[in-house]
């Protein structure tokens, strides 16, 4: 007896596929699509270089939104909470145990 077919597609990739790193994304939209411009912004630069542009239907974008949220929850359950810049505890987490040097005392 054949097993039921999965609705999950098989993924393949071209041999020339290259990974990209983005640390910034600009999101714009029209009634029929959302546009994600993934970019790199280096410290000191004032212009971000767009490295990839992804267009999605509103339904596809909402499905992606839910999948991303689910995956972030799984990630945090394994590796701990992802702290964002501006969180009150970020500095204490990054610099725990680091103290400023003591001022020399005058005799």
Protein backbone atom coordinates (compact mmCIF):
# COMPACT_ATOMS: atom_id res chain seq x y z
CA UNK A 1 0.00 0.00 0.00
CA UNK A 2 1.32 3.45 -0.94
CA UNK A 3 1.90 5.99 1.80
CA UNK A 4 -0.10 9.24 1.58
CA UNK A 5 1.63 11.99 -0.36
CA UNK A 6 2.95 14.90 1.63
CA UNK A 7 1.91 18.45 0.76
CA UNK A 8 5.45 19.63 1.49
CA UNK A 9 7.34 20.18 -1.77
CA UNK A 10 10.81 18.78 -2.31
CA UNK A 11 13.40 21.56 -2.41
CA UNK A 12 16.25 21.62 -4.88
CA UNK A 13 18.81 24.30 -5.69
CA UNK A 14 21.14 25.20 -8.52
CA UNK A 15 24.81 24.49 -8.03
CA UNK A 16 25.45 28.20 -8.54
CA UNK A 17 23.16 29.23 -5.68
CA UNK A 18 25.00 31.58 -3.30
CA UNK A 19 24.01 32.51 0.23
CA UNK A 20 23.69 36.19 1.12
CA UNK A 21 23.80 37.96 4.47
CA UNK A 22 21.42 40.84 5.15
CA UNK A 23 21.22 42.97 8.28
CA UNK A 24 18.47 45.28 7.04
CA UNK A 25 15.21 44.84 5.18
CA UNK A 26 12.87 47.41 3.64
CA UNK A 27 9.29 46.25 3.15
CA UNK A 28 6.87 47.94 0.77
CA UNK A 29 3.57 46.81 -0.67
CA UNK A 30 0.86 47.29 -3.22
CA UNK A 31 -2.64 45.77 -3.14
CA UNK A 32 -1.34 42.62 -4.83
CA UNK A 33 2.16 42.02 -3.45
CA UNK A 34 4.69 42.69 -0.73
CA UNK A 35 8.25 43.59 -1.68
CA UNK A 36 11.14 42.70 0.62
CA UNK A 37 14.43 44.45 -0.19
CA UNK A 38 17.16 42.71 1.80
CA UNK A 39 20.24 44.88 2.23
CA UNK A 40 23.61 45.21 3.89
CA UNK A 41 24.51 48.32 5.85
CA UNK A 42 28.05 48.46 7.14
CA UNK A 43 29.02 50.52 10.20
CA UNK A 44 29.78 54.10 9.19
CA UNK A 45 27.99 53.81 5.83
CA UNK A 46 24.92 55.93 5.09
CA UNK A 47 23.69 53.92 2.10
CA UNK A 48 22.44 50.34 2.32
CA UNK A 49 23.18 48.08 -0.64
CA UNK A 50 20.18 45.95 -1.69
CA UNK A 51 21.43 42.42 -2.28
CA UNK A 52 18.14 40.56 -2.85
CA UNK A 53 14.56 41.53 -3.67
CA UNK A 54 11.79 39.05 -2.88
CA UNK A 55 8.19 39.60 -4.00
CA UNK A 56 5.36 37.71 -2.31
CA UNK A 57 1.60 37.61 -2.57
CA UNK A 58 -0.24 38.85 0.55
CA UNK A 59 -1.25 35.26 1.37
CA UNK A 60 2.32 34.01 0.89
CA UNK A 61 3.66 36.84 3.05
CA UNK A 62 1.20 36.05 5.84
CA UNK A 63 2.11 32.35 5.71
CA UNK A 64 5.80 33.36 5.85
CA UNK A 65 5.04 35.65 8.83
CA UNK A 66 3.46 32.78 10.77
CA UNK A 67 6.23 30.33 9.81
CA UNK A 68 8.91 32.83 10.87
CA UNK A 69 7.19 33.41 14.22
CA UNK A 70 6.92 29.67 14.86
CA UNK A 71 10.57 29.15 14.00
CA UNK A 72 11.72 32.04 16.21
CA UNK A 73 9.79 30.50 19.14
CA UNK A 74 11.50 27.16 18.52
CA UNK A 75 14.91 28.86 18.24
CA UNK A 76 14.41 30.73 21.53
CA UNK A 77 13.24 27.58 23.30
CA UNK A 78 16.59 25.98 22.43
CA UNK A 79 19.01 28.94 22.55
CA UNK A 80 17.28 31.46 24.83
CA UNK A 81 15.51 34.75 24.25
CA UNK A 82 16.75 36.94 21.43
CA UNK A 83 17.33 40.36 22.94
CA UNK A 84 16.89 43.40 20.75
CA UNK A 85 18.93 46.60 20.98
CA UNK A 86 17.16 48.87 23.42
CA UNK A 87 16.07 46.03 25.72
CA UNK A 88 16.81 47.08 29.30
CA UNK A 89 18.89 43.99 29.97
CA UNK A 90 20.91 43.94 26.74
CA UNK A 91 23.90 45.88 28.14
CA UNK A 92 24.00 43.83 31.32
CA UNK A 93 23.84 40.63 29.25
CA UNK A 94 26.63 41.72 26.91
CA UNK A 95 28.88 43.25 29.55
CA UNK A 96 28.12 41.07 32.56
CA UNK A 97 31.14 41.09 34.83
CA UNK A 98 32.82 44.01 33.04
CA UNK A 99 33.50 46.91 35.39
CA UNK A 100 35.10 50.29 34.74
CA UNK A 101 38.65 50.68 36.02
CA UNK A 102 38.97 52.05 39.50
CA UNK A 103 40.24 55.61 39.83
CA UNK A 104 43.58 55.86 41.56
CA UNK A 105 43.33 57.25 45.06
CA UNK A 106 45.27 60.35 45.99
CA UNK A 107 47.39 60.21 49.12
